[in-house]
Protein backbone atom coordinates (compact mmCIF):
# COMPACT_ATOMS: atom_id res chain seq x y z
CA MET A 1 74.80 69.57 49.95
CA VAL A 2 71.02 69.57 50.48
CA ALA A 3 68.70 72.57 50.49
CA GLN A 4 66.79 73.06 53.73
CA GLY A 5 63.39 72.76 52.14
CA GLU A 6 64.21 69.45 50.48
CA GLY A 7 65.14 67.55 53.59
CA GLY A 8 67.83 64.91 53.85
CA VAL A 9 69.42 62.64 56.44
CA VAL A 10 71.42 64.09 59.35
CA VAL A 11 73.27 62.27 62.11
CA ILE A 12 73.74 64.32 65.30
CA THR A 13 75.98 63.32 68.21
CA GLY A 14 75.35 64.92 71.59
CA ALA A 15 71.69 65.19 70.58
CA SER A 16 70.18 64.82 74.05
CA SER A 17 70.66 68.45 75.14
CA GLY A 18 71.97 71.88 74.26
CA VAL A 19 73.06 72.70 70.72
CA GLY A 20 72.64 69.08 69.60
CA ARG A 21 69.04 68.96 70.72
CA ALA A 22 68.26 72.39 69.29
CA SER A 23 69.80 71.31 65.98
CA ALA A 24 67.84 68.07 65.92
CA GLU A 25 64.55 69.90 66.37
CA ALA A 26 65.52 72.53 63.76
CA PHE A 27 66.45 69.92 61.16
CA ALA A 28 63.30 67.89 61.87
CA ALA A 29 61.08 70.96 61.51
CA ARG A 30 62.46 71.41 58.00
CA GLY A 31 61.67 67.88 56.88
CA TRP A 32 64.98 66.14 57.57
CA HIS A 33 65.26 62.59 58.83
CA VAL A 34 67.29 62.81 62.06
CA VAL A 35 69.49 60.12 63.57
CA LEU A 36 70.06 61.01 67.21
CA ALA A 37 73.10 59.86 69.18
CA ALA A 38 74.06 60.37 72.83
CA ARG A 39 74.74 58.22 75.89
CA ARG A 40 71.32 58.83 77.49
CA ALA A 41 68.69 56.58 75.93
CA GLU A 42 65.73 58.05 77.84
CA GLU A 43 66.55 61.61 76.82
CA LEU A 44 67.21 60.55 73.23
CA ASN A 45 63.76 58.96 73.05
CA GLU A 46 62.23 62.22 74.29
CA VAL A 47 64.11 64.22 71.64
CA ALA A 48 62.98 61.74 68.99
CA ARG A 49 59.39 62.12 70.15
CA ARG A 50 59.57 65.89 69.87
CA CYS A 51 61.16 65.67 66.43
CA ARG A 52 58.39 63.38 65.20
CA GLU A 53 55.71 65.55 66.79
CA HIS A 54 56.93 68.86 65.36
CA GLY A 55 58.81 67.68 62.29
CA LYS A 56 58.05 66.19 58.92
CA GLY A 57 60.70 63.47 58.78
CA ARG A 58 61.50 60.36 60.77
CA ALA A 59 63.58 60.29 63.95
CA LEU A 60 65.84 57.39 64.89
CA PRO A 61 67.44 57.38 68.39
CA VAL A 62 70.65 55.36 68.62
CA PRO A 63 72.27 55.40 72.10
CA THR A 64 76.00 55.84 71.43
CA ASP A 65 79.15 56.55 73.41
CA VAL A 66 81.35 58.44 70.95
CA THR A 67 84.52 57.28 72.72
CA ASP A 68 83.74 53.77 71.42
CA ALA A 69 84.90 53.57 67.79
CA ALA A 70 82.88 50.43 67.08
CA ALA A 71 79.73 52.07 68.48
CA VAL A 72 80.21 55.11 66.21
CA ASP A 73 80.65 52.79 63.21
CA ARG A 74 77.37 51.07 64.17
CA LEU A 75 75.69 54.47 64.37
CA ALA A 76 76.67 55.18 60.77
CA GLU A 77 75.59 51.70 59.68
CA GLU A 78 72.17 52.10 61.32
CA ALA A 79 71.68 55.48 59.67
CA VAL A 80 72.48 54.07 56.21
CA ALA A 81 70.38 50.96 56.83
CA ALA A 82 67.38 53.08 57.84
CA PHE A 83 67.62 55.88 55.29
CA GLY A 84 70.05 54.75 52.58
CA ARG A 85 72.55 57.60 52.97
CA ILE A 86 74.02 60.29 55.27
CA ASP A 87 73.78 63.85 53.93
CA VAL A 88 75.04 65.65 57.03
CA TRP A 89 76.94 64.42 60.07
CA LEU A 90 77.11 66.81 63.02
CA ASN A 91 79.96 66.06 65.43
CA ASN A 92 78.73 67.84 68.54
CA ALA A 93 79.11 65.64 71.65
CA ALA A 94 81.48 67.24 74.17
CA VAL A 95 82.38 67.37 77.84
CA ALA A 96 84.62 69.75 79.82
CA ALA A 97 86.62 69.95 83.03
CA PHE A 98 87.28 73.25 84.82
CA GLY A 99 90.18 73.87 87.16
CA ALA A 100 93.95 74.28 87.09
CA LEU A 101 95.51 71.55 84.98
CA ASP A 102 97.37 69.97 87.90
CA GLU A 103 94.15 69.87 89.93
CA ILE A 104 92.06 68.02 87.35
CA PRO A 105 92.52 64.24 87.75
CA ALA A 106 94.49 62.69 84.90
CA ASP A 107 91.69 60.23 84.09
CA VAL A 108 89.23 63.12 83.76
CA CYS A 109 91.59 64.95 81.38
CA ARG A 110 91.92 61.76 79.35
CA LYS A 111 88.14 61.33 79.14
CA VAL A 112 87.67 64.91 77.94
CA ILE A 113 90.19 64.30 75.15
CA ASP A 114 88.66 60.91 74.31
CA THR A 115 85.21 62.47 73.96
CA ASP A 116 86.04 65.85 72.42
CA VAL A 117 88.84 64.75 70.08
CA MET A 118 88.68 61.01 69.48
CA GLY A 119 84.89 61.10 69.40
CA TYR A 120 85.18 63.55 66.51
CA VAL A 121 87.85 61.44 64.85
CA TYR A 122 85.61 58.35 65.01
CA GLY A 123 82.64 60.36 63.76
CA ALA A 124 84.65 61.83 60.88
CA ARG A 125 85.93 58.41 59.84
CA ALA A 126 82.43 56.90 59.85
CA ALA A 127 80.79 59.88 58.15
CA LEU A 128 83.38 60.36 55.42
CA THR A 129 83.43 56.64 54.60
CA ALA A 130 79.72 56.88 53.77
CA MET A 131 80.03 60.24 52.01
CA ARG A 132 82.95 59.17 49.83
CA ARG A 133 80.96 56.12 48.81
CA GLN A 134 77.85 58.11 47.89
CA GLY A 135 79.88 60.97 46.38
CA SER A 136 78.47 63.81 48.48
CA GLY A 137 77.80 64.98 52.02
CA THR A 138 78.78 67.50 54.67
CA LEU A 139 80.63 66.86 57.92
CA ILE A 140 80.09 69.64 60.45
CA ASN A 141 82.43 69.75 63.46
CA VAL A 142 81.42 71.89 66.42
CA SER A 143 84.54 73.51 67.81
CA SER A 144 84.47 76.66 69.98
CA VAL A 145 85.90 80.15 70.00
CA VAL A 146 88.17 78.90 72.82
CA GLY A 147 89.77 76.70 70.18
CA VAL A 148 91.01 79.97 68.64
CA SER A 149 91.28 82.06 71.80
CA PRO A 150 92.06 79.70 74.71
CA VAL A 151 91.16 80.48 78.31
CA PRO A 152 92.74 79.34 81.59
CA TYR A 153 91.21 76.78 83.96
CA ASN A 154 89.62 74.88 81.08
CA ALA A 155 92.74 73.58 79.33
CA PRO A 156 91.54 70.07 78.30
CA TYR A 157 88.47 71.51 76.58
CA ALA A 158 90.37 74.39 74.93
CA LEU A 159 93.07 72.12 73.50
CA ALA A 160 90.41 69.67 72.32
CA LYS A 161 88.51 72.38 70.48
CA ALA A 162 91.73 73.61 68.85
CA ALA A 163 92.36 70.03 67.74
CA VAL A 164 88.86 69.83 66.23
CA ARG A 165 89.55 72.92 64.15
CA SER A 166 92.83 71.41 62.92
CA LEU A 167 91.10 68.11 62.18
CA SER A 168 88.61 69.87 59.92
CA ALA A 169 91.37 71.65 58.01
CA SER A 170 93.32 68.41 57.47
CA LEU A 171 90.23 66.58 56.25
CA ARG A 172 89.34 69.36 53.80
CA GLN A 173 92.82 69.08 52.30
CA GLU A 174 92.61 65.31 52.02
CA LEU A 175 89.24 65.48 50.28
CA TRP A 176 90.51 68.14 47.87
CA LEU A 177 93.54 66.03 46.97
CA GLU A 178 91.29 63.02 46.42
CA GLY A 179 89.01 65.00 44.12
CA HIS A 180 85.89 64.78 46.31
CA ARG A 181 84.51 68.19 45.41
CA ASP A 182 81.00 67.43 46.73
CA VAL A 183 82.12 66.22 50.15
CA HIS A 184 82.54 69.14 52.55
CA VAL A 185 83.96 69.67 56.04
CA CYS A 186 82.82 72.70 58.05
CA THR A 187 83.77 73.99 61.48
CA VAL A 188 81.37 75.84 63.80
CA LEU A 189 82.95 78.13 66.42
CA PRO A 190 80.34 79.28 68.94
CA ALA A 191 80.76 81.86 71.66
CA THR A 192 79.13 81.12 75.03
CA MET A 193 75.90 79.16 74.63
CA ASP A 194 72.91 79.09 76.98
CA THR A 195 72.96 75.31 77.50
CA PRO A 196 73.28 72.91 80.48
CA PHE A 197 77.01 72.66 79.66
CA PHE A 198 78.27 74.78 82.56
CA ARG A 199 76.25 72.89 85.19
CA SER A 200 77.17 69.46 83.86
CA ALA A 201 80.91 70.02 83.37
CA ALA A 202 83.49 68.55 85.70
CA ASN A 203 84.75 71.16 88.13
CA TYR A 204 87.88 71.07 90.26
CA SER A 205 88.34 74.83 90.58
CA GLY A 206 86.62 75.13 93.97
CA ARG A 207 84.42 77.86 92.46
CA LYS A 208 81.03 77.82 90.77
CA VAL A 209 81.28 77.92 86.96
CA LEU A 210 79.32 80.70 85.28
CA PRO A 211 78.92 81.42 81.54
CA MET A 212 81.09 84.28 80.34
CA ALA A 213 79.02 87.00 78.68
CA PRO A 214 77.79 87.51 76.08
CA VAL A 215 75.53 84.42 76.10
CA TYR A 216 73.79 83.27 72.92
CA THR A 217 70.89 80.86 72.50
CA PRO A 218 71.48 77.31 71.19
CA GLU A 219 68.86 78.01 68.53
CA ARG A 220 71.25 80.56 67.06
CA ALA A 221 73.91 77.86 66.72
CA ALA A 222 71.32 75.54 65.17
CA ARG A 223 70.49 78.15 62.54
CA THR A 224 74.17 78.46 61.66
CA ILE A 225 74.45 74.68 61.35
CA LEU A 226 71.40 74.57 59.09
CA ARG A 227 72.95 77.21 56.84
CA LEU A 228 76.12 75.14 56.57
CA ALA A 229 74.07 72.08 55.64
CA ARG A 230 72.56 74.11 52.82
CA SER A 231 75.65 76.06 51.79
CA PRO A 232 78.89 74.62 53.25
CA ARG A 233 81.86 76.85 54.01
CA ARG A 234 85.09 76.35 55.92
CA GLU A 235 84.25 78.02 59.21
CA ALA A 236 81.35 79.85 60.79
CA TYR A 237 81.33 81.76 64.07
CA VAL A 238 78.20 81.82 66.21
CA GLY A 239 77.70 85.26 67.69
CA PRO A 240 79.52 88.49 66.77
CA ALA A 241 81.52 88.31 70.00
CA ALA A 242 83.17 85.09 68.81
CA ALA A 243 84.28 86.66 65.54
CA VAL A 244 85.55 89.79 67.28
CA LEU A 245 87.49 87.75 69.86
CA ALA A 246 89.10 85.66 67.12
CA CYS A 247 90.12 88.85 65.33
CA GLN A 248 91.60 90.29 68.51
CA THR A 249 93.56 87.08 69.10
CA LYS A 250 95.03 87.23 65.62
CA LEU A 251 95.97 90.91 65.81
CA PHE A 252 96.98 91.20 69.46
CA PRO A 253 97.63 87.72 70.89
CA ARG A 254 99.54 88.75 74.00
CA LEU A 255 97.07 91.44 75.03
CA THR A 256 94.10 89.16 74.35
CA GLU A 257 95.57 86.34 76.41
CA LYS A 258 95.92 88.64 79.41
CA ALA A 259 92.42 90.05 78.94
CA LEU A 260 90.91 86.56 78.74
CA ALA A 261 92.82 85.42 81.81
CA TYR A 262 91.49 88.40 83.75
CA GLN A 263 87.95 87.88 82.52
CA MET A 264 87.99 84.14 83.22
CA ASN A 265 89.19 84.68 86.78
CA ARG A 266 86.77 87.56 87.34
CA ALA A 267 83.56 86.36 85.69
CA HIS A 268 83.74 82.76 84.42
CA LEU A 269 84.55 81.34 87.85
CA SER A 270 82.49 82.87 90.66
CA ARG A 271 84.41 84.90 93.21
CA THR A 272 81.71 84.40 95.86
CA ASP A 273 80.16 80.96 95.33
CA PRO A 274 82.29 77.92 96.22
CA ALA A 275 81.69 74.56 94.54
CA PRO A 276 82.64 71.01 95.52
CA ASP A 277 84.80 68.89 93.25
CA THR A 278 82.74 66.94 90.74
CA ALA A 279 83.40 64.82 87.65
CA GLY A 280 80.10 65.98 86.16
CA THR A 281 79.11 64.20 82.98
CA VAL A 282 82.69 63.41 82.00
CA PRO A 283 82.77 59.73 83.10
CA HIS A 284 79.06 58.97 82.65
CA PRO A 285 75.86 60.81 81.71
CA LEU A 286 73.62 62.37 84.35
CA PRO A 287 69.82 62.26 84.18
CA GLY A 288 67.97 65.10 82.53
CA GLY A 289 68.32 66.79 79.17
CA ALA A 290 67.34 70.26 78.01
CA VAL A 291 68.05 72.70 75.23
CA HIS A 292 68.70 75.67 77.53
CA GLY A 293 70.77 76.08 80.64
CA GLY A 294 68.78 78.89 82.22
CA TRP A 295 71.44 81.52 81.66
CA SER A 296 69.00 83.97 80.05
CA GLY A 297 70.68 83.87 76.66
CA ALA A 298 67.55 85.15 74.94
CA ARG A 299 67.29 88.22 77.17
CA ARG A 300 70.78 89.63 76.64
CA THR A 301 70.49 90.93 73.10
CA ALA A 302 70.95 94.59 74.01
CA GLY A 303 73.92 93.83 76.22
CA ARG A 304 75.49 91.62 73.55
CA ARG A 305 75.17 94.32 70.94
CA LEU A 306 76.70 96.93 73.24
CA LEU A 307 79.59 94.67 74.20
CA THR A 308 80.21 93.61 70.59
CA ALA A 309 80.20 97.24 69.42
CA THR A 310 82.62 98.15 72.20
CA LEU A 311 84.95 95.29 71.34
CA ALA A 312 84.82 96.13 67.65
CA ALA A 313 85.60 99.77 68.38
CA GLY A 314 88.53 98.69 70.51
CA VAL A 315 89.90 96.51 67.71
CA GLY A 316 89.51 99.33 65.23
CA TYR A 317 91.25 101.79 67.49
CA ALA A 318 94.10 99.37 68.18
CA VAL A 319 94.55 98.66 64.47
CA ALA A 320 94.63 102.38 63.72
CA ARG A 321 97.21 102.94 66.45
CA ALA A 322 99.31 100.07 65.14
CA VAL A 323 99.20 101.43 61.59
CA CYS A 324 100.07 104.93 62.79
CA GLY A 325 102.94 103.53 64.79
CA ARG A 326 104.51 102.12 61.63
CA GLN A 327 104.21 105.39 59.67
CA SER A 328 106.68 108.19 59.56
CA PRO A 329 105.99 111.35 61.65
CA CYS A 330 104.98 113.24 58.50
CA ASP A 331 102.54 110.49 57.47
CA ARG A 332 101.04 110.46 60.95
CA ALA A 333 100.56 114.20 60.88
CA ARG A 334 98.82 114.04 57.51
CA GLY A 335 96.71 110.93 57.95
CA CYS A 336 96.24 109.92 61.56
CA GLY A 337 95.89 113.04 63.61
CA ARG A 338 96.28 113.36 67.35
C-alpha cells in the first residue's frame, strides 16, 4: 500500500486506451512510475510520452498480449528489472463480443475468455509472485457491474467479468491463509464508461452497439483505482448506478433480470441502426487509441443523478413493500400505512 503523494511502481494492462490509459496518466501525474502493457506498440509509446510529459515518474512501455502467459511473466520481470518492485498491478485489458450466444463464432467466444479471464489469471500469478516476495503490494482487477448483474447479448463478457470477481475473492482468501496481510486484492466494478470499448467490440447482433445510460467518464474510474492503490478494500463500484443495480440484483433478482433484458434490447442495441458482423479488436488490435469514446460521459451528470435517485427510490419503495408484505395486518396498519 503506497500513498498517492509518495509515488510507487504500477503495472497497467490495457493501457493504450480507455480506463487503462486514463489510469496511467492519473498515476503518472502523482509521481508514480508506470509500466504500460497492451498489444499496440505505437499507442503505448504515445501514452508513455504523455505520462513523461505530464507526470513526475518514468514510463516504460512493454507491448504485451495478455493471453500469452510467458509474455505476462516477462512484463513483470521487466517491471522489476527497471524499478526493483511492483507496488500495484492493474489487470484491465478486456475485449467483448455482442450478439446472441449461438451467433457469436466459437473462436471469438474463446478469445474473449482467454483475454478477460486467463489474461487476469496470468497477471495475478505474475503480480502476486512479486508481491509475495517483497511482502507487500496491491492487485486491482477491473471487473464490471455486469459481472454482478448480467445482461443478454453480451454473454462471454458478462461471464468473464463474473469470473474476475470470483478470482479476486479466491485470491484474497489464499493470501489471508498464507498470512500475507500487506498483499491486497481489490475488484473494481464500473458502470458504463465513456471509452472506445463499444466501437471496438466484436458485434454479431446485426445492430449498432450503444452505451447504456448512465455513462461515466474513464477519469472517474481512474480516481477510484487511485484510491484503492492508497487504501485497498475488497470491492469498489464506479458510479452510483452500478451500486444501485447491484443492490437491485441482490434484492430482486428476477425482476432485475427482466428489466435489464428489456433495457438491453431497447437501448444498448440500436433499434434503427444496423451493423455488419465484425470481430472488432477481439482477434487483433486495431489502430488508434483514446481515453474517451465520444459518448458524452462528462455531459450527463444531471441525467445520471436523476436516474440514480429514481432507481434508489424504486429500491427503497420495493424494500418497504417487501417488509410490509411480511408483517401482520395489524403491524402494517400501525407502521406502513396505505
